[in-house]
């Protein structure tokens, strides 16, 4: 109750400073006086003190210091004392009630996550309240290949197509989820019973895919069509792997078949950091400060990100929501710093690094002229436990505002908060609490 009231009071104060709802996109919006972490350049956060950010038409049209020219008629918002930074790029999430392959086979590259994402699920605005503006939505890891992932732009979409990151040819962007270790091992017919059998089945499937892709592709096989995208580098493999020996198996398969790969989780990746760095393979890491669950994650520790960074591995941090709540990504970065990662590296691992890993660096992950206007307004230092996200903007539209009671529910409530189908009484109760706090 005390935390809720504090959050409500902070929201009210910030709302008074920044004011109102998002204006129409055709009107330039200029934030002035803020500390801006641009995340551009090859290293560091690219911080601008007393900076100015101007957005229009869903894009950043100017960014710079206090002397940045502001267009006539712009909506000028004084952000003095506040911090602005890019929206978080979550490289591994399960929001939107996503699902993937079923028990009919261990390898199902034809299955698409986008065919089973509920764009109205409350987990999406919950993630926005935590600063996530782009996410790689993944099917589960109970299969050697559980299907195609979906690169979601967390706009206020009415359909899955409206929330898709797309290539220049209009194709919806995503990767391919693969896994090894204990998750895909089952007694179910058609599934592997050992790690060695897992690798053998994957190897056989890739050989069959090579033959299909080199031929006339008849009869048509939509699963093999997706495999051709993996083999030609169009579709990135997101490889769920924990133990160091499993990581080495994934590297071995990549070396044999030449696909592009992002290691997902890599709980024991610190033990083979030199090998990962030598292979030039990036890592999407998760740091768990209270290990539990599966035995292969028993060696989880908060030092892994720092070890990988010092080894020269290109690194992002992810939520695996709901393993880590999407609203706790800044805490995640703080844990990485506590474990030995650099401060700048941790903030880049939340933003531009993930954008690069997903091939989205030309549009999100940093604040630069011409990029999407996806950014956060914070009350202070991103890694301080006393800092709150007060606004999340996506494509130049404010989609989370802590001064709005309906939005605040997503930031402070439990799972499902804000979903009228699950919590018909929550909105009214939280509105009363907000009124009491005032």
Protein backbone atom coordinates (compact mmCIF):
# COMPACT_ATOMS: atom_id res chain seq x y z
CA UNK A 1 0.00 0.00 0.00
CA UNK A 2 2.80 2.43 0.94
CA UNK A 3 4.68 1.68 -2.30
CA UNK A 4 1.49 2.14 -4.31
CA UNK A 5 0.88 5.55 -2.76
CA UNK A 6 4.48 6.62 -3.37
CA UNK A 7 4.26 5.56 -7.00
CA UNK A 8 0.98 7.40 -7.40
CA UNK A 9 2.36 10.62 -5.92
CA UNK A 10 5.45 10.42 -8.14
CA UNK A 11 3.26 9.86 -11.16
CA UNK A 12 1.13 12.87 -10.33
CA UNK A 13 4.19 15.10 -9.94
CA UNK A 14 5.83 13.99 -13.18
CA UNK A 15 2.54 14.28 -15.03
CA UNK A 16 2.39 17.91 -13.98
CA UNK A 17 5.91 18.49 -15.34
CA UNK A 18 5.49 16.74 -18.71
CA UNK A 19 1.78 17.26 -19.07
CA UNK A 20 -1.13 15.56 -20.67
CA UNK A 21 -1.55 12.98 -23.36
CA UNK A 22 0.55 12.45 -26.43
CA UNK A 23 -0.12 15.04 -29.10
CA UNK A 24 -0.83 14.21 -32.72
CA UNK A 25 2.25 12.88 -34.47
CA UNK A 26 2.23 15.67 -37.06
CA UNK A 27 3.00 18.18 -34.29
CA UNK A 28 6.69 18.12 -33.27
CA UNK A 29 7.27 17.32 -29.61
CA UNK A 30 10.45 18.71 -28.07
CA UNK A 31 11.86 17.54 -24.74
CA UNK A 32 14.33 20.03 -23.31
CA UNK A 33 16.74 20.10 -20.39
CA UNK A 34 16.99 16.31 -19.95
CA UNK A 35 19.99 14.11 -19.41
CA UNK A 36 19.88 12.01 -22.59
CA UNK A 37 21.61 8.64 -22.93
CA UNK A 38 21.68 8.19 -26.70
CA UNK A 39 23.45 4.76 -26.77
CA UNK A 40 24.95 5.67 -30.15
CA UNK A 41 28.55 5.22 -31.13
CA UNK A 42 30.75 2.17 -30.62
CA UNK A 43 30.93 2.37 -26.83
CA UNK A 44 29.52 4.21 -23.85
CA UNK A 45 26.08 5.68 -23.40
CA UNK A 46 26.67 8.85 -25.43
CA UNK A 47 25.27 11.10 -22.72
CA UNK A 48 24.09 14.62 -23.49
CA UNK A 49 23.56 16.92 -20.52
CA UNK A 50 20.79 19.51 -20.77
CA UNK A 51 19.83 17.78 -23.98
CA UNK A 52 17.01 18.26 -26.45
CA UNK A 53 15.07 15.49 -28.18
CA UNK A 54 12.57 16.34 -30.93
CA UNK A 55 10.18 13.79 -32.41
CA UNK A 56 7.64 14.02 -35.21
CA UNK A 57 5.78 11.53 -37.36
CA UNK A 58 6.98 8.62 -35.25
CA UNK A 59 10.64 9.44 -35.86
CA UNK A 60 13.42 11.35 -34.13
CA UNK A 61 13.97 14.50 -36.19
CA UNK A 62 16.64 16.11 -34.01
CA UNK A 63 18.73 15.39 -30.94
CA UNK A 64 21.45 17.48 -29.37
CA UNK A 65 22.34 20.01 -26.71
CA UNK A 66 20.52 23.01 -25.36
CA UNK A 67 21.20 24.96 -28.57
CA UNK A 68 19.28 22.49 -30.77
CA UNK A 69 16.84 24.37 -33.00
CA UNK A 70 13.21 23.65 -32.13
CA UNK A 71 10.62 23.85 -34.95
CA UNK A 72 8.02 26.57 -34.76
CA UNK A 73 4.77 25.37 -33.23
CA UNK A 74 6.38 22.45 -31.43
CA UNK A 75 4.95 21.16 -28.17
CA UNK A 76 7.83 21.96 -25.82
CA UNK A 77 8.12 19.87 -22.66
CA UNK A 78 10.54 20.83 -19.93
CA UNK A 79 12.31 17.61 -18.85
CA UNK A 80 14.87 19.26 -16.61
CA UNK A 81 16.01 16.81 -13.93
CA UNK A 82 14.73 13.82 -15.88
CA UNK A 83 16.54 11.18 -17.93
CA UNK A 84 15.66 10.11 -21.48
CA UNK A 85 17.03 6.95 -23.07
CA UNK A 86 16.07 4.44 -25.79
CA UNK A 87 13.36 1.89 -25.17
CA UNK A 88 14.50 -1.55 -24.04
CA UNK A 89 15.03 -4.23 -26.69
CA UNK A 90 14.17 -7.53 -24.97
CA UNK A 91 15.89 -10.28 -26.95
CA UNK A 92 13.91 -13.14 -25.36
CA UNK A 93 10.37 -12.83 -24.07
CA UNK A 94 7.16 -14.86 -23.87
CA UNK A 95 4.58 -12.10 -23.47
CA UNK A 96 1.32 -12.19 -25.40
CA UNK A 97 0.30 -15.74 -24.40
CA UNK A 98 2.63 -17.07 -27.09
CA UNK A 99 2.93 -20.78 -27.85
CA UNK A 100 4.72 -22.83 -30.48
CA UNK A 101 5.23 -26.48 -31.41
CA UNK A 102 3.20 -29.37 -29.98
CA UNK A 103 3.99 -32.97 -29.01
CA UNK A 104 3.69 -34.31 -32.56
CA UNK A 105 7.40 -33.94 -33.35
CA UNK A 106 10.66 -32.70 -31.87
CA UNK A 107 11.49 -30.51 -34.87
CA UNK A 108 8.79 -28.14 -36.18
CA UNK A 109 10.28 -25.18 -38.09
CA UNK A 110 6.96 -24.52 -39.83
CA UNK A 111 5.27 -23.34 -36.60
CA UNK A 112 5.09 -19.54 -36.24
CA UNK A 113 4.81 -17.71 -32.94
CA UNK A 114 2.91 -14.90 -34.65
CA UNK A 115 -0.04 -17.27 -35.19
CA UNK A 116 -0.53 -17.57 -31.44
CA UNK A 117 0.04 -14.16 -29.87
CA UNK A 118 -2.85 -12.29 -28.27
CA UNK A 119 -2.22 -8.60 -29.00
CA UNK A 120 -4.73 -7.65 -26.31
CA UNK A 121 -3.06 -9.60 -23.52
CA UNK A 122 -2.21 -7.42 -20.53
CA UNK A 123 1.38 -8.68 -20.50
CA UNK A 124 2.13 -6.36 -23.43
CA UNK A 125 1.25 -3.05 -21.71
CA UNK A 126 2.88 -4.48 -18.58
CA UNK A 127 6.12 -4.85 -20.55
CA UNK A 128 5.75 -1.30 -21.87
CA UNK A 129 5.40 -0.03 -18.32
CA UNK A 130 8.82 -1.58 -17.69
CA UNK A 131 10.33 0.22 -20.65
CA UNK A 132 10.24 -2.56 -23.27
CA UNK A 133 9.48 -1.21 -26.74
CA UNK A 134 10.73 -4.10 -28.92
CA UNK A 135 10.81 -7.80 -28.00
CA UNK A 136 11.73 -11.10 -29.58
CA UNK A 137 8.70 -13.25 -28.79
CA UNK A 138 9.74 -16.88 -28.51
CA UNK A 139 7.89 -20.19 -28.46
CA UNK A 140 8.95 -22.60 -25.74
CA UNK A 141 12.10 -24.69 -25.52
CA UNK A 142 10.61 -28.15 -25.08
CA UNK A 143 11.60 -29.04 -28.65
CA UNK A 144 14.81 -29.25 -30.61
CA UNK A 145 13.17 -26.73 -32.93
CA UNK A 146 9.95 -25.19 -31.66
CA UNK A 147 9.31 -22.73 -34.44
CA UNK A 148 9.71 -19.22 -35.75
CA UNK A 149 10.06 -16.31 -33.34
CA UNK A 150 8.41 -12.90 -33.81
CA UNK A 151 10.08 -9.50 -33.51
CA UNK A 152 7.36 -7.43 -31.89
CA UNK A 153 7.22 -3.65 -31.91
CA UNK A 154 5.18 -2.83 -28.80
CA UNK A 155 2.92 -0.30 -30.47
CA UNK A 156 -0.75 -0.16 -29.55
CA UNK A 157 -1.65 -2.64 -32.29
CA UNK A 158 -5.01 -4.04 -33.26
CA UNK A 159 -3.49 -7.05 -35.04
CA UNK A 160 -0.26 -8.98 -34.97
CA UNK A 161 0.67 -7.57 -38.39
CA UNK A 162 0.43 -4.01 -37.05
CA UNK A 163 2.97 -4.87 -34.33
CA UNK A 164 5.51 -6.58 -36.58
CA UNK A 165 8.98 -5.41 -37.45
CA UNK A 166 9.15 -6.01 -41.19
CA UNK A 167 11.90 -6.25 -43.77
CA UNK A 168 12.08 -3.92 -46.76
CA UNK A 169 10.12 -6.45 -48.82
CA UNK A 170 7.32 -6.44 -46.24
CA UNK A 171 8.16 -9.85 -44.78
CA UNK A 172 7.56 -10.19 -41.04
CA UNK A 173 10.83 -10.47 -39.14
CA UNK A 174 11.74 -13.21 -36.69
CA UNK A 175 14.22 -15.94 -35.94
CA UNK A 176 14.15 -19.70 -35.37
CA UNK A 177 13.96 -21.14 -31.88
CA UNK A 178 16.18 -24.14 -31.20
CA UNK A 179 17.06 -25.83 -27.92
CA UNK A 180 19.23 -28.52 -26.42
CA UNK A 181 19.88 -29.81 -22.94
CA UNK A 182 17.19 -31.29 -20.75
CA UNK A 183 14.14 -29.44 -22.10
CA UNK A 184 13.71 -31.35 -25.40
CA UNK A 185 14.60 -34.75 -23.90
CA UNK A 186 11.40 -36.73 -23.37
CA UNK A 187 10.06 -40.26 -23.43
CA UNK A 188 7.50 -39.15 -26.03
CA UNK A 189 7.86 -41.04 -29.34
CA UNK A 190 9.81 -39.01 -31.87
CA UNK A 191 11.69 -37.00 -29.26
CA UNK A 192 15.33 -37.56 -28.25
CA UNK A 193 16.16 -39.45 -25.09
CA UNK A 194 19.74 -38.22 -24.76
CA UNK A 195 21.89 -35.21 -25.58
CA UNK A 196 23.75 -37.18 -28.24
CA UNK A 197 20.50 -38.20 -29.94
CA UNK A 198 19.38 -34.56 -29.83
CA UNK A 199 22.42 -33.44 -31.80
CA UNK A 200 22.07 -36.33 -34.27
CA UNK A 201 18.44 -35.45 -35.02
CA UNK A 202 19.27 -31.80 -35.58
CA UNK A 203 22.19 -32.72 -37.82
CA UNK A 204 20.02 -35.01 -39.93
CA UNK A 205 17.39 -32.30 -40.33
CA UNK A 206 19.94 -29.73 -41.47
CA UNK A 207 21.34 -32.17 -44.04
CA UNK A 208 17.83 -32.77 -45.38
CA UNK A 209 17.30 -28.99 -45.49
CA UNK A 210 20.51 -28.48 -47.45
CA UNK A 211 19.29 -30.98 -50.04
CA UNK A 212 15.82 -29.38 -50.25
CA UNK A 213 17.18 -25.83 -50.54
CA UNK A 214 19.65 -26.82 -53.26
CA UNK A 215 16.89 -28.49 -55.33
CA UNK A 216 13.74 -27.28 -57.02
CA UNK A 217 11.84 -27.24 -53.68
CA UNK A 218 9.10 -29.58 -54.80
CA UNK A 219 6.92 -30.74 -53.33
CA UNK A 220 6.53 -27.52 -51.32
CA UNK A 221 7.44 -27.85 -47.64
CA UNK A 222 6.84 -24.73 -45.54
CA UNK A 223 9.05 -26.05 -42.74
CA UNK A 224 11.92 -26.55 -45.16
CA UNK A 225 11.26 -23.09 -46.63
CA UNK A 226 11.94 -21.70 -43.16
CA UNK A 227 15.07 -23.84 -42.94
CA UNK A 228 16.29 -22.29 -46.20
CA UNK A 229 16.01 -18.88 -44.50
CA UNK A 230 18.10 -20.24 -41.64
CA UNK A 231 20.74 -21.57 -44.00
CA UNK A 232 20.96 -18.39 -46.10
CA UNK A 233 21.22 -16.16 -43.03
CA UNK A 234 17.82 -14.49 -43.38
CA UNK A 235 16.52 -16.11 -40.20
CA UNK A 236 18.67 -16.02 -37.05
CA UNK A 237 18.82 -19.13 -34.86
CA UNK A 238 17.98 -18.38 -31.22
CA UNK A 239 19.59 -21.34 -29.46
CA UNK A 240 18.33 -22.08 -25.95
CA UNK A 241 21.29 -23.67 -24.20
CA UNK A 242 22.52 -23.69 -20.60
CA UNK A 243 25.33 -26.10 -19.76
CA UNK A 244 28.82 -25.48 -21.09
CA UNK A 245 28.88 -28.82 -22.96
CA UNK A 246 25.51 -28.01 -24.55
CA UNK A 247 26.84 -24.59 -25.58
CA UNK A 248 29.80 -26.27 -27.25
CA UNK A 249 27.42 -28.62 -29.09
CA UNK A 250 25.49 -25.59 -30.39
CA UNK A 251 28.75 -23.99 -31.56
CA UNK A 252 29.71 -27.26 -33.26
CA UNK A 253 26.42 -27.42 -35.16
CA UNK A 254 26.77 -23.80 -36.22
CA UNK A 255 30.28 -24.41 -37.48
CA UNK A 256 29.14 -27.44 -39.46
CA UNK A 257 26.12 -25.85 -41.14
CA UNK A 258 27.07 -22.18 -41.18
CA UNK A 259 23.90 -20.65 -39.73
CA UNK A 260 23.87 -17.39 -37.80
CA UNK A 261 23.23 -17.97 -34.10
CA UNK A 262 22.45 -16.10 -30.92
CA UNK A 263 23.05 -18.06 -27.72
CA UNK A 264 20.01 -17.67 -25.48
CA UNK A 265 20.47 -17.89 -21.70
CA UNK A 266 23.96 -19.44 -21.66
CA UNK A 267 23.90 -19.97 -17.92
CA UNK A 268 27.38 -21.59 -18.02
CA UNK A 269 28.62 -19.46 -20.91
CA UNK A 270 31.19 -17.86 -18.64
CA UNK A 271 32.98 -21.21 -18.46
CA UNK A 272 33.49 -21.22 -22.24
CA UNK A 273 33.64 -17.45 -22.80
CA UNK A 274 36.90 -17.68 -24.77
CA UNK A 275 35.45 -20.27 -27.12
CA UNK A 276 32.29 -18.21 -27.68
CA UNK A 277 34.33 -15.08 -28.34
CA UNK A 278 36.61 -16.92 -30.77
CA UNK A 279 33.56 -18.16 -32.69
CA UNK A 280 32.21 -14.60 -32.91
CA UNK A 281 28.85 -15.71 -31.55
CA UNK A 282 26.79 -13.21 -29.49
CA UNK A 283 24.94 -14.05 -26.29
CA UNK A 284 21.53 -13.02 -25.00
CA UNK A 285 22.02 -13.58 -21.27
CA UNK A 286 19.81 -13.89 -18.25
CA UNK A 287 21.17 -13.43 -14.73
CA UNK A 288 19.24 -15.12 -11.96
CA UNK A 289 20.11 -13.97 -8.45
CA UNK A 290 17.97 -16.63 -6.74
CA UNK A 291 18.69 -19.86 -8.67
CA UNK A 292 16.18 -22.66 -8.63
CA UNK A 293 14.28 -24.95 -10.94
CA UNK A 294 16.16 -27.10 -13.44
CA UNK A 295 19.42 -28.76 -12.45
CA UNK A 296 21.31 -27.54 -15.52
CA UNK A 297 20.83 -23.95 -14.33
CA UNK A 298 22.30 -24.70 -10.90
CA UNK A 299 25.51 -22.81 -11.74
CA UNK A 300 23.67 -19.56 -12.46
CA UNK A 301 25.53 -16.55 -11.05
CA UNK A 302 25.54 -12.80 -11.45
CA UNK A 303 29.17 -12.69 -12.65
CA UNK A 304 28.48 -14.28 -16.05
CA UNK A 305 27.73 -11.05 -17.93
CA UNK A 306 30.91 -9.42 -16.68
CA UNK A 307 32.98 -12.47 -17.64
CA UNK A 308 31.50 -12.47 -21.15
CA UNK A 309 32.03 -8.74 -21.55
CA UNK A 310 35.70 -8.96 -20.57
CA UNK A 311 36.16 -11.88 -22.99
CA UNK A 312 34.89 -9.70 -25.83
CA UNK A 313 31.52 -11.42 -26.34
CA UNK A 314 28.80 -9.17 -27.78
CA UNK A 315 26.11 -9.30 -25.13
CA UNK A 316 22.48 -8.40 -24.47
CA UNK A 317 20.26 -9.01 -21.45
CA UNK A 318 16.78 -10.50 -21.67
CA UNK A 319 13.81 -11.16 -19.41
CA UNK A 320 12.54 -14.57 -20.57
CA UNK A 321 9.35 -13.05 -19.16
CA UNK A 322 8.01 -14.28 -16.83
CA UNK A 323 11.27 -15.72 -15.47
CA UNK A 324 12.22 -12.09 -14.95
CA UNK A 325 9.28 -9.70 -14.99
CA UNK A 326 9.58 -7.27 -17.91
CA UNK A 327 9.20 -4.46 -15.37
CA UNK A 328 12.50 -5.44 -13.70
CA UNK A 329 14.89 -5.06 -16.61
CA UNK A 330 16.76 -2.13 -15.05
CA UNK A 331 17.19 -4.21 -11.90
CA UNK A 332 18.56 -6.94 -14.17
CA UNK A 333 21.15 -4.53 -15.56
CA UNK A 334 22.00 -3.42 -12.03
CA UNK A 335 22.64 -7.03 -11.05
CA UNK A 336 24.97 -7.38 -14.03
CA UNK A 337 26.96 -4.36 -12.85
CA UNK A 338 27.10 -5.74 -9.34
CA UNK A 339 28.52 -8.93 -10.86
CA UNK A 340 31.33 -7.10 -12.63
CA UNK A 341 29.87 -5.79 -15.89
CA UNK A 342 30.58 -2.17 -16.76
CA UNK A 343 27.78 0.32 -16.28
CA UNK A 344 27.83 1.45 -19.89
CA UNK A 345 27.95 -2.16 -21.06
CA UNK A 346 24.88 -3.07 -19.00
CA UNK A 347 22.83 -0.17 -20.37
CA UNK A 348 23.90 -0.99 -23.92
CA UNK A 349 22.96 -4.63 -23.25
CA UNK A 350 19.39 -3.45 -22.65
CA UNK A 351 19.19 -1.32 -25.77
CA UNK A 352 21.46 -1.05 -28.80
CA UNK A 353 23.18 -4.43 -28.40
CA UNK A 354 19.88 -6.27 -28.57
CA UNK A 355 18.87 -4.22 -31.59
CA UNK A 356 22.09 -5.21 -33.36
CA UNK A 357 21.57 -8.87 -32.48
CA UNK A 358 18.06 -8.83 -34.00
CA UNK A 359 19.15 -6.85 -37.05
CA UNK A 360 17.06 -3.85 -36.01
CA UNK A 361 19.85 -1.37 -35.26
CA UNK A 362 18.84 0.91 -38.14
CA UNK A 363 15.50 1.64 -36.47
CA UNK A 364 15.64 1.08 -32.66
CA UNK A 365 18.09 0.72 -29.76
CA UNK A 366 19.62 4.19 -29.81
CA UNK A 367 18.41 7.78 -30.06
CA UNK A 368 19.56 9.09 -33.43
CA UNK A 369 18.04 11.29 -36.09
CA UNK A 370 15.83 9.25 -38.41
CA UNK A 371 15.28 6.32 -36.07
CA UNK A 372 11.94 5.34 -34.57
CA UNK A 373 10.90 7.57 -31.69
CA UNK A 374 11.01 4.75 -29.12
CA UNK A 375 12.23 6.17 -25.82
CA UNK A 376 11.73 6.29 -22.07
CA UNK A 377 11.44 9.17 -19.63
CA UNK A 378 12.88 8.31 -16.21
CA UNK A 379 12.94 10.15 -12.92
CA UNK A 380 16.68 9.61 -12.47
CA UNK A 381 19.63 7.28 -12.91
CA UNK A 382 18.45 4.17 -14.83
CA UNK A 383 20.27 1.85 -12.42
CA UNK A 384 19.03 3.43 -9.22
CA UNK A 385 16.42 1.55 -7.22
CA UNK A 386 14.80 4.92 -6.52
CA UNK A 387 14.19 5.66 -10.21
CA UNK A 388 10.80 5.16 -11.87
CA UNK A 389 9.81 4.99 -15.52
CA UNK A 390 7.33 7.78 -15.91
CA UNK A 391 6.66 7.54 -19.66
CA UNK A 392 7.21 5.04 -22.50
CA UNK A 393 6.95 6.35 -26.04
CA UNK A 394 6.69 4.07 -29.08
CA UNK A 395 6.73 5.52 -32.61
CA UNK A 396 6.34 8.96 -31.10
CA UNK A 397 3.22 8.04 -29.14
CA UNK A 398 3.12 7.98 -25.36
CA UNK A 399 1.83 4.48 -24.57
CA UNK A 400 2.66 4.41 -20.87
CA UNK A 401 2.13 7.37 -18.57
CA UNK A 402 2.52 6.82 -14.84
CA UNK A 403 0.24 9.81 -14.24
CA UNK A 404 -2.61 7.85 -15.83
CA UNK A 405 -4.29 5.55 -13.27
CA UNK A 406 -5.14 2.96 -15.92
CA UNK A 407 -1.48 2.82 -17.03
CA UNK A 408 -0.19 2.81 -13.46
CA UNK A 409 -2.02 -0.46 -12.81
CA UNK A 410 0.24 -2.19 -15.36
CA UNK A 411 3.33 -0.87 -13.57
CA UNK A 412 2.27 -1.78 -10.05
CA UNK A 413 -0.22 -4.64 -10.27
CA UNK A 414 0.33 -8.37 -10.42
CA UNK A 415 0.18 -10.61 -13.48
CA UNK A 416 -3.01 -9.94 -15.39
CA UNK A 417 -3.53 -6.52 -13.81
CA UNK A 418 -5.31 -4.24 -16.21
CA UNK A 419 -7.02 -7.11 -18.01
CA UNK A 420 -10.76 -6.62 -17.43
CA UNK A 421 -11.43 -10.25 -18.32
CA UNK A 422 -9.23 -11.45 -15.47
CA UNK A 423 -9.46 -8.61 -12.99
CA UNK A 424 -12.83 -6.90 -13.30
CA UNK A 425 -12.40 -5.28 -9.90
CA UNK A 426 -8.76 -4.20 -10.14
CA UNK A 427 -9.19 -0.96 -12.07
CA UNK A 428 -11.78 0.42 -9.66
CA UNK A 429 -9.76 -0.60 -6.60
CA UNK A 430 -6.52 0.91 -7.90
CA UNK A 431 -8.30 4.13 -8.90
CA UNK A 432 -9.56 4.45 -5.32
CA UNK A 433 -6.02 3.86 -4.00
CA UNK A 434 -4.66 6.55 -6.30
CA UNK A 435 -7.30 8.98 -5.11
CA UNK A 436 -6.48 8.15 -1.47
CA UNK A 437 -2.78 8.80 -2.15
CA UNK A 438 -3.59 12.29 -3.33
